[in-house]
Amino acid sequence: MLQNHYNLMTTINKIVFELSGCLTGTKIQVLSQICKSILIATGKITMLEISRTTQRTYRTIQRFFALKDVAWSKFNI
């Protein structure tokens, strides 16, 4: 189980790294934390739940998903 979790996180980190060309360092960090938060969350995945598990403010999560320079509809990971 732990090995599977490690492999999954390695894959996610590679994908996030590939996005570094279109996102700044801070945005990459937030995206990485959001991915990890979604993996460990139980129940519904909401921005409030993400903000609680990432130790980021709810407003920070809102701002991240409101970015105009990222085509969220094309994210199908």
N, C-alpha and C. Protein backbone atom coordinates (compact mmCIF):
# COMPACT_ATOMS: atom_id res chain seq x y z
N MET A 1 0.83 -1.19 0.00
CA MET A 1 0.00 0.00 0.00
C MET A 1 0.88 1.25 0.00
N LEU A 2 1.89 1.28 0.85
CA LEU A 2 2.77 2.43 0.94
C LEU A 2 3.53 2.63 -0.37
N GLN A 3 3.94 1.54 -1.00
CA GLN A 3 4.64 1.63 -2.27
C GLN A 3 3.74 2.22 -3.35
N ASN A 4 2.46 1.81 -3.37
CA ASN A 4 1.51 2.35 -4.34
C ASN A 4 1.33 3.85 -4.14
N HIS A 5 1.24 4.27 -2.88
CA HIS A 5 1.09 5.69 -2.56
C HIS A 5 2.32 6.46 -3.03
N TYR A 6 3.49 5.90 -2.81
CA TYR A 6 4.74 6.54 -3.23
C TYR A 6 4.79 6.67 -4.75
N ASN A 7 4.41 5.61 -5.47
CA ASN A 7 4.40 5.64 -6.93
C ASN A 7 3.41 6.68 -7.46
N LEU A 8 2.26 6.77 -6.82
CA LEU A 8 1.25 7.73 -7.23
C LEU A 8 1.75 9.16 -7.02
N MET A 9 2.37 9.42 -5.88
CA MET A 9 2.89 10.76 -5.60
C MET A 9 4.03 11.11 -6.55
N THR A 10 4.85 10.14 -6.90
CA THR A 10 5.93 10.37 -7.86
C THR A 10 5.35 10.76 -9.21
N THR A 11 4.32 10.07 -9.64
CA THR A 11 3.67 10.37 -10.91
C THR A 11 3.04 11.76 -10.88
N ILE A 12 2.36 12.09 -9.80
CA ILE A 12 1.74 13.41 -9.68
C ILE A 12 2.80 14.50 -9.69
N ASN A 13 3.90 14.29 -9.00
CA ASN A 13 4.96 15.29 -8.98
C ASN A 13 5.56 15.49 -10.37
N LYS A 14 5.67 14.42 -11.15
CA LYS A 14 6.17 14.54 -12.53
C LYS A 14 5.21 15.37 -13.38
N ILE A 15 3.91 15.12 -13.22
CA ILE A 15 2.91 15.87 -13.98
C ILE A 15 2.94 17.34 -13.59
N VAL A 16 3.01 17.60 -12.30
CA VAL A 16 3.07 18.98 -11.81
C VAL A 16 4.32 19.67 -12.34
N PHE A 17 5.43 18.96 -12.36
CA PHE A 17 6.68 19.52 -12.87
C PHE A 17 6.55 19.90 -14.34
N GLU A 18 5.84 19.09 -15.11
CA GLU A 18 5.64 19.38 -16.53
C GLU A 18 4.87 20.68 -16.73
N LEU A 19 4.05 21.03 -15.75
CA LEU A 19 3.26 22.26 -15.85
C LEU A 19 4.05 23.49 -15.44
N SER A 20 5.28 23.31 -15.02
CA SER A 20 6.08 24.43 -14.53
C SER A 20 6.35 25.48 -15.60
N GLY A 21 6.17 25.11 -16.85
CA GLY A 21 6.35 26.08 -17.92
C GLY A 21 5.25 27.11 -17.99
N CYS A 22 4.06 26.76 -17.51
CA CYS A 22 2.93 27.69 -17.58
C CYS A 22 2.48 28.20 -16.22
N LEU A 23 3.09 27.73 -15.15
CA LEU A 23 2.74 28.21 -13.81
C LEU A 23 3.98 28.68 -13.08
N THR A 24 3.82 29.64 -12.20
CA THR A 24 4.94 30.13 -11.40
C THR A 24 5.25 29.15 -10.28
N GLY A 25 6.36 29.37 -9.61
CA GLY A 25 6.78 28.47 -8.53
C GLY A 25 5.76 28.33 -7.42
N THR A 26 5.17 29.46 -7.01
CA THR A 26 4.16 29.42 -5.94
C THR A 26 2.93 28.64 -6.38
N LYS A 27 2.51 28.86 -7.62
CA LYS A 27 1.33 28.15 -8.13
C LYS A 27 1.59 26.66 -8.25
N ILE A 28 2.83 26.30 -8.59
CA ILE A 28 3.20 24.89 -8.65
C ILE A 28 3.11 24.27 -7.26
N GLN A 29 3.59 24.98 -6.26
CA GLN A 29 3.51 24.48 -4.88
C GLN A 29 2.07 24.28 -4.45
N VAL A 30 1.22 25.26 -4.75
CA VAL A 30 -0.19 25.15 -4.39
C VAL A 30 -0.83 23.96 -5.10
N LEU A 31 -0.56 23.81 -6.40
CA LEU A 31 -1.13 22.68 -7.14
C LEU A 31 -0.68 21.35 -6.56
N SER A 32 0.59 21.25 -6.20
CA SER A 32 1.10 20.02 -5.61
C SER A 32 0.40 19.72 -4.28
N GLN A 33 0.22 20.75 -3.47
CA GLN A 33 -0.48 20.56 -2.20
C GLN A 33 -1.93 20.17 -2.41
N ILE A 34 -2.57 20.76 -3.41
CA ILE A 34 -3.96 20.42 -3.70
C ILE A 34 -4.07 18.96 -4.13
N CYS A 35 -3.16 18.50 -4.97
CA CYS A 35 -3.16 17.10 -5.41
C CYS A 35 -3.01 16.16 -4.22
N LYS A 36 -2.08 16.46 -3.34
CA LYS A 36 -1.88 15.63 -2.16
C LYS A 36 -3.11 15.65 -1.27
N SER A 37 -3.73 16.82 -1.13
CA SER A 37 -4.92 16.96 -0.31
C SER A 37 -6.07 16.11 -0.84
N ILE A 38 -6.23 16.12 -2.15
CA ILE A 38 -7.30 15.33 -2.77
C ILE A 38 -7.08 13.84 -2.53
N LEU A 39 -5.82 13.42 -2.55
CA LEU A 39 -5.51 12.01 -2.31
C LEU A 39 -5.84 11.56 -0.89
N ILE A 40 -5.60 12.43 0.08
CA ILE A 40 -5.81 12.01 1.48
C ILE A 40 -7.20 12.32 2.00
N ALA A 41 -7.98 13.07 1.24
CA ALA A 41 -9.31 13.46 1.70
C ALA A 41 -10.26 12.27 1.71
N THR A 42 -11.13 12.30 2.67
CA THR A 42 -12.19 11.29 2.74
C THR A 42 -13.52 12.02 2.58
N GLY A 43 -14.46 11.38 1.96
CA GLY A 43 -15.74 12.02 1.76
C GLY A 43 -15.71 12.95 0.56
N LYS A 44 -16.49 14.02 0.66
CA LYS A 44 -16.58 14.97 -0.44
C LYS A 44 -15.29 15.77 -0.58
N ILE A 45 -14.93 16.02 -1.82
CA ILE A 45 -13.76 16.86 -2.11
C ILE A 45 -14.28 18.26 -2.43
N THR A 46 -14.11 19.16 -1.51
CA THR A 46 -14.56 20.53 -1.70
C THR A 46 -13.37 21.47 -1.51
N MET A 47 -13.54 22.70 -1.93
CA MET A 47 -12.46 23.67 -1.73
C MET A 47 -12.23 23.91 -0.24
N LEU A 48 -13.28 23.82 0.55
CA LEU A 48 -13.12 23.98 1.99
C LEU A 48 -12.28 22.84 2.57
N GLU A 49 -12.56 21.61 2.14
CA GLU A 49 -11.78 20.46 2.60
C GLU A 49 -10.32 20.57 2.15
N ILE A 50 -10.13 21.01 0.91
CA ILE A 50 -8.77 21.20 0.40
C ILE A 50 -8.03 22.24 1.23
N SER A 51 -8.70 23.35 1.53
CA SER A 51 -8.05 24.41 2.31
C SER A 51 -7.69 23.93 3.72
N ARG A 52 -8.50 23.09 4.28
CA ARG A 52 -8.21 22.56 5.62
C ARG A 52 -7.00 21.63 5.62
N THR A 53 -6.89 20.79 4.61
CA THR A 53 -5.80 19.82 4.61
C THR A 53 -4.49 20.38 4.07
N THR A 54 -4.56 21.48 3.31
CA THR A 54 -3.33 22.07 2.78
C THR A 54 -2.78 23.18 3.66
N GLN A 55 -3.53 23.59 4.66
CA GLN A 55 -3.15 24.71 5.52
C GLN A 55 -3.09 26.02 4.74
N ARG A 56 -3.78 26.07 3.61
CA ARG A 56 -3.92 27.30 2.82
C ARG A 56 -5.30 27.87 3.12
N THR A 57 -5.46 29.16 2.91
CA THR A 57 -6.77 29.75 3.15
C THR A 57 -7.74 29.35 2.05
N TYR A 58 -9.01 29.41 2.39
CA TYR A 58 -10.05 29.11 1.40
C TYR A 58 -9.94 30.06 0.23
N ARG A 59 -9.64 31.32 0.52
CA ARG A 59 -9.50 32.33 -0.54
C ARG A 59 -8.34 32.00 -1.48
N THR A 60 -7.25 31.48 -0.94
CA THR A 60 -6.11 31.09 -1.77
C THR A 60 -6.52 29.99 -2.75
N ILE A 61 -7.28 29.03 -2.27
CA ILE A 61 -7.75 27.94 -3.13
C ILE A 61 -8.68 28.48 -4.20
N GLN A 62 -9.57 29.41 -3.82
CA GLN A 62 -10.47 30.03 -4.79
C GLN A 62 -9.67 30.76 -5.88
N ARG A 63 -8.70 31.54 -5.45
CA ARG A 63 -7.88 32.29 -6.41
C ARG A 63 -7.14 31.35 -7.36
N PHE A 64 -6.65 30.25 -6.82
CA PHE A 64 -5.92 29.30 -7.66
C PHE A 64 -6.81 28.75 -8.76
N PHE A 65 -8.01 28.32 -8.41
CA PHE A 65 -8.90 27.74 -9.41
C PHE A 65 -9.52 28.79 -10.32
N ALA A 66 -9.41 30.06 -9.96
CA ALA A 66 -9.94 31.14 -10.79
C ALA A 66 -8.89 31.69 -11.76
N LEU A 67 -7.70 31.09 -11.79
CA LEU A 67 -6.64 31.55 -12.68
C LEU A 67 -7.12 31.55 -14.12
N LYS A 68 -6.89 32.65 -14.79
CA LYS A 68 -7.31 32.77 -16.19
C LYS A 68 -6.28 32.17 -17.15
N ASP A 69 -5.02 32.07 -16.71
CA ASP A 69 -3.98 31.59 -17.61
C ASP A 69 -3.84 30.07 -17.63
N VAL A 70 -4.76 29.37 -16.97
CA VAL A 70 -4.76 27.91 -16.98
C VAL A 70 -6.09 27.43 -17.57
N ALA A 71 -6.02 26.59 -18.57
CA ALA A 71 -7.22 26.04 -19.19
C ALA A 71 -7.69 24.83 -18.39
N TRP A 72 -8.45 25.07 -17.35
CA TRP A 72 -8.87 23.99 -16.44
C TRP A 72 -9.70 22.93 -17.16
N SER A 73 -10.44 23.32 -18.16
CA SER A 73 -11.26 22.35 -18.87
C SER A 73 -10.42 21.32 -19.63
N LYS A 74 -9.16 21.64 -19.88
CA LYS A 74 -8.28 20.71 -20.58
C LYS A 74 -7.52 19.80 -19.64
N PHE A 75 -7.67 20.04 -18.34
CA PHE A 75 -7.03 19.18 -17.35
C PHE A 75 -7.85 17.92 -17.20
N ASN A 76 -7.36 16.84 -17.70
CA ASN A 76 -8.02 15.55 -17.58
C ASN A 76 -6.97 14.55 -17.16
N ILE A 77 -6.56 14.68 -15.92
CA ILE A 77 -5.47 13.84 -15.40
C ILE A 77 -6.06 12.62 -14.73
